């Protein structure tokens, strides 16, 4: 009788041994196949991430220009003449105002290859501005000042000093009153014209660059944002937002917070437009030498903005 015989038990033992060998082997083969599959997926994902990282800067850089193009396209009542010139069928009334608010600009930007920092100062001139200028002069680096309208001999002297010492004198606002200037495109132009005319008279420079109070995207300009940007582009102006904020306009700003915000914000960037303020607390003045030293040590050079520098613009299409 086979079952229960010695031969039966021998066959059972051999079967168990075979199973103990075959099952792990099959498991190893399956695991190897799964490992190979996962390895392929990881390689593909790594390649995707590397490609995305390489393209990220280009995407980020072009996003703002897509927004600008959309804004410019908002004025859709343009016709072409026989000689190729663009004319409005019926000019909007504000387009006929302030003919002096026009500059020649082909919007051809230069390629930036070095690690570059653009220090920008908003809301001056104030009593702090000469101290900022002294520091910049000591380090022999240029910067950009987005100024507001101030009267008096001291302010006029500062406007002129900014220009004489090789910095860019740019426009910010006359009143800095958000509700007023963003009530309409015409209201913004009214405000801008006063500042521009004054700077040209006092400093001998017609500003070509603009920074919107609160940046190009804020809670006050939603209803006119695209129309306003379209009009300024039509007149040849370039506007600059920022991609590194020092936080220097807040009441809680300290020397340490300003330093950390700028250094951490600029880390890893090929170039950065840094928002600072030569108004408010003196923390900006105190922090500035340390900020410059650290950025220099990281290999950055410093330049002033001009209309040939690629603008950093908030993407309002998101």
Protein backbone atom coordinates (compact mmCIF):
# COMPACT_ATOMS: atom_id res chain seq x y z
CA UNK A 1 0.00 0.00 0.00
CA UNK A 2 1.48 3.26 -1.19
CA UNK A 3 -0.05 5.75 1.27
CA UNK A 4 1.69 5.37 4.59
CA UNK A 5 4.58 3.49 3.06
CA UNK A 6 8.22 4.46 3.33
CA UNK A 7 8.21 5.36 -0.35
CA UNK A 8 5.21 7.66 0.23
CA UNK A 9 7.00 9.55 2.99
CA UNK A 10 10.15 9.82 0.90
CA UNK A 11 8.15 11.34 -1.96
CA UNK A 12 6.41 13.75 0.44
CA UNK A 13 9.72 14.89 1.89
CA UNK A 14 11.14 15.41 -1.58
CA UNK A 15 8.02 17.35 -2.60
CA UNK A 16 8.28 19.64 0.44
CA UNK A 17 11.98 20.22 -0.25
CA UNK A 18 11.20 21.03 -3.87
CA UNK A 19 8.48 23.46 -2.84
CA UNK A 20 10.85 25.09 -0.35
CA UNK A 21 13.26 25.66 -3.21
CA UNK A 22 10.85 26.53 -6.02
CA UNK A 23 8.53 28.94 -4.15
CA UNK A 24 11.31 31.27 -2.88
CA UNK A 25 12.91 31.13 -6.32
CA UNK A 26 9.68 32.22 -7.96
CA UNK A 27 9.31 34.93 -5.30
CA UNK A 28 12.82 36.20 -5.98
CA UNK A 29 12.11 36.30 -9.70
CA UNK A 30 8.91 38.29 -9.10
CA UNK A 31 10.70 40.65 -6.75
CA UNK A 32 13.47 41.13 -9.31
CA UNK A 33 10.92 41.97 -11.98
CA UNK A 34 9.18 44.41 -9.65
CA UNK A 35 12.54 45.97 -8.71
CA UNK A 36 13.45 46.42 -12.35
CA UNK A 37 10.06 47.97 -13.04
CA UNK A 38 10.36 50.36 -10.09
CA UNK A 39 13.92 51.23 -11.08
CA UNK A 40 12.68 52.14 -14.56
CA UNK A 41 9.89 54.28 -13.11
CA UNK A 42 12.31 56.06 -10.75
CA UNK A 43 14.71 56.72 -13.62
CA UNK A 44 11.89 58.15 -15.71
CA UNK A 45 10.68 60.32 -12.82
CA UNK A 46 14.22 61.52 -12.11
CA UNK A 47 14.66 62.50 -15.74
CA UNK A 48 11.31 64.29 -15.63
CA UNK A 49 12.27 66.18 -12.47
CA UNK A 50 15.64 67.17 -13.90
CA UNK A 51 14.02 68.34 -17.11
CA UNK A 52 11.35 70.23 -15.19
CA UNK A 53 13.97 71.89 -13.00
CA UNK A 54 15.91 72.99 -16.04
CA UNK A 55 12.77 74.40 -17.57
CA UNK A 56 11.40 75.93 -14.36
CA UNK A 57 13.39 79.15 -14.61
CA UNK A 58 12.31 79.64 -18.21
CA UNK A 59 8.70 78.95 -17.33
CA UNK A 60 8.78 81.32 -14.37
CA UNK A 61 10.53 83.97 -16.41
CA UNK A 62 8.10 83.77 -19.30
CA UNK A 63 4.94 83.57 -17.19
CA UNK A 64 5.02 87.27 -16.48
CA UNK A 65 5.50 88.07 -20.15
CA UNK A 66 2.50 85.95 -21.02
CA UNK A 67 0.54 88.07 -18.59
CA UNK A 68 1.90 91.24 -20.15
CA UNK A 69 1.00 90.01 -23.62
CA UNK A 70 -2.52 89.26 -22.47
CA UNK A 71 -2.78 92.73 -20.98
CA UNK A 72 -1.56 94.35 -24.17
CA UNK A 73 -4.04 92.29 -26.17
CA UNK A 74 -6.86 93.68 -24.03
CA UNK A 75 -6.91 96.76 -26.24
CA UNK A 76 -8.56 95.07 -29.21
CA UNK A 77 -9.73 98.11 -31.14
CA UNK A 78 -6.42 98.61 -32.99
CA UNK A 79 -6.25 98.75 -36.76
CA UNK A 80 -3.28 98.63 -39.09
CA UNK A 81 -2.67 101.44 -41.56
CA UNK A 82 -1.22 100.88 -45.03
CA UNK A 83 2.27 101.66 -43.80
CA UNK A 84 1.99 99.16 -40.94
CA UNK A 85 1.40 101.61 -38.10
CA UNK A 86 -1.06 100.73 -35.34
CA UNK A 87 -3.84 103.18 -34.68
CA UNK A 88 -6.85 103.11 -32.42
CA UNK A 89 -10.18 103.34 -34.16
CA UNK A 90 -11.47 105.63 -31.45
CA UNK A 91 -8.88 106.67 -28.85
CA UNK A 92 -9.91 106.26 -25.25
CA UNK A 93 -10.00 109.74 -23.66
CA UNK A 94 -7.18 109.02 -21.20
CA UNK A 95 -4.90 108.02 -24.10
CA UNK A 96 -4.99 111.58 -25.31
CA UNK A 97 -3.95 113.00 -21.95
CA UNK A 98 -0.37 113.74 -20.93
CA UNK A 99 1.41 113.33 -24.27
CA UNK A 100 4.68 113.86 -22.37
CA UNK A 101 4.14 110.49 -20.69
CA UNK A 102 5.62 108.58 -23.59
CA UNK A 103 9.08 107.08 -24.03
CA UNK A 104 10.78 105.23 -26.86
CA UNK A 105 11.09 101.57 -26.00
CA UNK A 106 11.48 98.59 -28.29
CA UNK A 107 11.20 96.18 -25.31
CA UNK A 108 14.33 94.33 -26.40
CA UNK A 109 15.93 92.93 -23.27
CA UNK A 110 19.56 91.99 -22.78
CA UNK A 111 20.65 88.52 -21.73
CA UNK A 112 21.96 88.33 -18.16
CA UNK A 113 24.65 85.72 -17.59
CA UNK A 114 26.17 86.59 -14.22
CA UNK A 115 24.67 86.25 -10.76
CA UNK A 116 23.12 89.66 -10.35
CA UNK A 117 21.29 91.45 -7.56
CA UNK A 118 19.15 94.50 -8.22
CA UNK A 119 18.66 96.41 -4.98
CA UNK A 120 15.56 98.59 -5.17
CA UNK A 121 14.37 101.15 -2.62
CA UNK A 122 10.76 102.32 -2.41
CA UNK A 123 8.96 105.29 -0.85
CA UNK A 124 11.85 107.75 -0.56
CA UNK A 125 13.33 110.22 -0.37
CA UNK A 126 13.39 110.53 3.40
CA UNK A 127 16.01 111.32 6.01
CA UNK A 128 17.23 107.74 5.60
CA UNK A 129 17.98 108.05 1.88
CA UNK A 130 21.29 109.95 2.27
CA UNK A 131 22.48 107.21 4.63
CA UNK A 132 21.55 104.55 2.07
CA UNK A 133 23.35 106.52 -0.63
CA UNK A 134 26.43 106.80 1.56
CA UNK A 135 26.55 103.01 2.02
CA UNK A 136 26.09 102.37 -1.70
CA UNK A 137 28.83 104.89 -2.48
CA UNK A 138 31.17 103.24 0.01
CA UNK A 139 30.62 99.86 -1.66
CA UNK A 140 30.62 101.41 -5.14
CA UNK A 141 27.43 99.65 -6.20
CA UNK A 142 24.41 101.07 -8.08
CA UNK A 143 20.77 100.65 -7.10
CA UNK A 144 17.30 101.72 -8.16
CA UNK A 145 15.10 104.18 -6.29
CA UNK A 146 11.35 104.10 -6.90
CA UNK A 147 10.55 107.49 -5.45
CA UNK A 148 7.45 109.36 -4.36
CA UNK A 149 6.69 113.05 -4.74
CA UNK A 150 8.22 115.25 -2.07
CA UNK A 151 8.75 118.98 -1.96
CA UNK A 152 11.46 121.03 -0.31
CA UNK A 153 15.14 121.65 -0.94
CA UNK A 154 16.32 118.49 0.83
CA UNK A 155 14.16 116.21 -1.27
CA UNK A 156 15.18 117.94 -4.49
CA UNK A 157 18.84 117.56 -3.57
CA UNK A 158 18.34 113.83 -2.95
CA UNK A 159 16.62 113.29 -6.31
CA UNK A 160 19.59 114.92 -8.00
CA UNK A 161 22.12 113.03 -5.91
CA UNK A 162 20.52 109.70 -6.89
CA UNK A 163 21.09 110.55 -10.54
CA UNK A 164 24.54 112.11 -10.07
CA UNK A 165 25.86 109.03 -8.26
CA UNK A 166 24.83 106.64 -11.04
CA UNK A 167 21.65 105.16 -9.63
CA UNK A 168 18.37 104.75 -11.50
CA UNK A 169 15.68 107.27 -10.59
CA UNK A 170 12.33 105.58 -11.18
CA UNK A 171 8.70 106.46 -10.51
CA UNK A 172 6.53 105.11 -7.72
CA UNK A 173 3.71 107.54 -6.94
CA UNK A 174 2.83 111.12 -6.11
CA UNK A 175 0.23 110.46 -3.43
CA UNK A 176 0.73 106.73 -2.71
CA UNK A 177 -3.02 106.74 -2.01
CA UNK A 178 -4.17 103.32 -3.25
CA UNK A 179 -7.88 104.12 -3.32
CA UNK A 180 -7.27 107.31 -5.26
CA UNK A 181 -4.74 106.20 -7.85
CA UNK A 182 -6.42 102.87 -8.58
CA UNK A 183 -9.90 104.31 -8.94
CA UNK A 184 -9.36 104.49 -12.71
CA UNK A 185 -6.63 104.45 -15.36
CA UNK A 186 -7.04 108.20 -15.74
CA UNK A 187 -6.57 108.70 -11.99
CA UNK A 188 -3.33 106.73 -12.10
CA UNK A 189 -2.06 108.81 -15.02
CA UNK A 190 -3.02 112.01 -13.19
CA UNK A 191 -0.88 110.92 -10.26
CA UNK A 192 2.00 109.65 -12.40
CA UNK A 193 2.19 112.81 -14.51
CA UNK A 194 2.75 115.05 -11.48
CA UNK A 195 5.67 112.93 -10.27
CA UNK A 196 7.22 112.45 -13.71
CA UNK A 197 7.09 116.15 -14.59
CA UNK A 198 8.62 117.11 -11.23
CA UNK A 199 11.50 114.63 -11.51
CA UNK A 200 12.32 115.77 -15.02
CA UNK A 201 12.39 119.39 -13.86
CA UNK A 202 14.33 118.82 -10.63
CA UNK A 203 16.74 116.01 -11.55
CA UNK A 204 16.85 116.40 -15.31
CA UNK A 205 15.74 112.81 -15.81
CA UNK A 206 12.47 111.56 -17.21
CA UNK A 207 11.69 108.29 -15.40
CA UNK A 208 11.34 105.29 -17.71
CA UNK A 209 10.62 102.65 -15.07
CA UNK A 210 7.60 102.31 -12.80
CA UNK A 211 6.77 100.32 -9.72
CA UNK A 212 3.11 100.19 -8.81
CA UNK A 213 2.35 101.00 -5.17
CA UNK A 214 1.57 97.62 -3.64
CA UNK A 215 2.95 95.87 -6.72
CA UNK A 216 1.15 95.18 -9.98
CA UNK A 217 -1.26 92.84 -8.19
CA UNK A 218 -3.03 94.24 -5.15
CA UNK A 219 -6.53 94.45 -3.72
CA UNK A 220 -7.12 97.94 -5.08
CA UNK A 221 -6.39 97.62 -8.81
CA UNK A 222 -8.33 94.48 -9.72
CA UNK A 223 -10.89 96.26 -11.87
CA UNK A 224 -8.33 98.25 -13.92
CA UNK A 225 -5.21 96.06 -13.73
CA UNK A 226 -5.01 94.80 -17.30
CA UNK A 227 -6.21 98.06 -18.80
CA UNK A 228 -3.68 100.06 -16.77
CA UNK A 229 -0.76 97.81 -17.67
CA UNK A 230 -1.78 97.92 -21.33
CA UNK A 231 -1.78 101.70 -21.31
CA UNK A 232 1.63 101.99 -19.66
CA UNK A 233 3.11 99.47 -22.09
CA UNK A 234 1.55 101.40 -24.97
CA UNK A 235 3.32 104.52 -23.72
CA UNK A 236 6.65 102.65 -23.60
CA UNK A 237 7.08 102.22 -19.84
CA UNK A 238 8.43 99.13 -18.11
CA UNK A 239 7.14 98.18 -14.68
CA UNK A 240 9.04 96.11 -12.15
CA UNK A 241 7.72 94.00 -9.31
CA UNK A 242 10.13 91.97 -7.16
CA UNK A 243 10.96 88.37 -6.33
CA UNK A 244 12.72 88.96 -3.01
CA UNK A 245 11.06 91.04 -0.30
CA UNK A 246 13.01 92.28 2.69
CA UNK A 247 9.84 92.91 4.69
CA UNK A 248 11.32 96.28 5.61
CA UNK A 249 8.02 98.15 5.34
CA UNK A 250 6.41 96.35 8.27
CA UNK A 251 6.32 97.72 11.79
CA UNK A 252 7.92 94.54 13.09
CA UNK A 253 10.92 94.67 10.73
CA UNK A 254 14.27 94.28 12.45
CA UNK A 255 17.86 94.26 11.27
CA UNK A 256 17.89 90.48 11.65
CA UNK A 257 14.60 89.90 9.80
CA UNK A 258 15.58 92.14 6.90
CA UNK A 259 18.96 90.42 6.58
CA UNK A 260 17.44 86.93 6.74
CA UNK A 261 14.63 87.72 4.29
CA UNK A 262 17.03 89.04 1.66
CA UNK A 263 19.77 86.41 2.01
CA UNK A 264 17.34 83.47 2.18
CA UNK A 265 15.19 84.91 -0.59
CA UNK A 266 18.12 85.35 -2.97
CA UNK A 267 19.67 81.94 -2.23
CA UNK A 268 19.86 79.79 -5.34
CA UNK A 269 18.67 82.52 -7.69
CA UNK A 270 20.68 83.50 -10.74
CA UNK A 271 19.35 86.99 -10.35
CA UNK A 272 17.00 88.74 -7.94
CA UNK A 273 15.14 92.03 -7.71
CA UNK A 274 15.13 92.89 -4.02
CA UNK A 275 12.46 95.11 -2.44
CA UNK A 276 13.77 97.43 0.28
CA UNK A 277 12.52 100.74 1.67
CA UNK A 278 14.41 103.93 2.41
CA UNK A 279 11.42 105.03 4.50
CA UNK A 280 10.10 103.90 7.86
CA UNK A 281 12.50 102.42 10.39
CA UNK A 282 16.28 102.72 10.27
CA UNK A 283 16.60 98.91 10.32
CA UNK A 284 17.13 98.88 6.53
CA UNK A 285 20.12 101.20 6.84
CA UNK A 286 21.64 99.14 9.63
CA UNK A 287 21.08 95.82 7.83
CA UNK A 288 22.28 96.99 4.40
CA UNK A 289 26.08 96.57 4.84
CA UNK A 290 25.68 93.01 6.10
CA UNK A 291 23.30 92.18 3.25
CA UNK A 292 25.76 93.51 0.67
CA UNK A 293 28.73 91.70 2.24
CA UNK A 294 26.90 88.36 2.32
CA UNK A 295 25.62 88.63 -1.23
CA UNK A 296 29.08 89.58 -2.48
CA UNK A 297 30.54 86.60 -0.65
CA UNK A 298 28.01 84.40 -2.47
CA UNK A 299 29.33 85.60 -5.82
CA UNK A 300 26.71 88.21 -6.71
CA UNK A 301 27.34 91.45 -8.52
CA UNK A 302 25.08 94.48 -8.22
CA UNK A 303 23.40 96.48 -10.97
CA UNK A 304 20.75 99.16 -11.31
CA UNK A 305 17.60 98.46 -13.30
CA UNK A 306 17.03 99.98 -16.71
CA UNK A 307 14.52 99.35 -19.47
CA UNK A 308 16.81 96.73 -21.04
CA UNK A 309 16.68 94.50 -17.96
CA UNK A 310 14.10 91.71 -18.08
CA UNK A 311 11.31 92.76 -15.72
CA UNK A 312 10.10 90.65 -12.85
CA UNK A 313 6.31 90.90 -13.02
CA UNK A 314 3.69 89.21 -10.89
CA UNK A 315 1.66 86.71 -12.91
CA UNK A 316 -1.93 87.91 -12.68
CA UNK A 317 -3.21 85.14 -14.96
CA UNK A 318 -3.10 82.64 -12.08
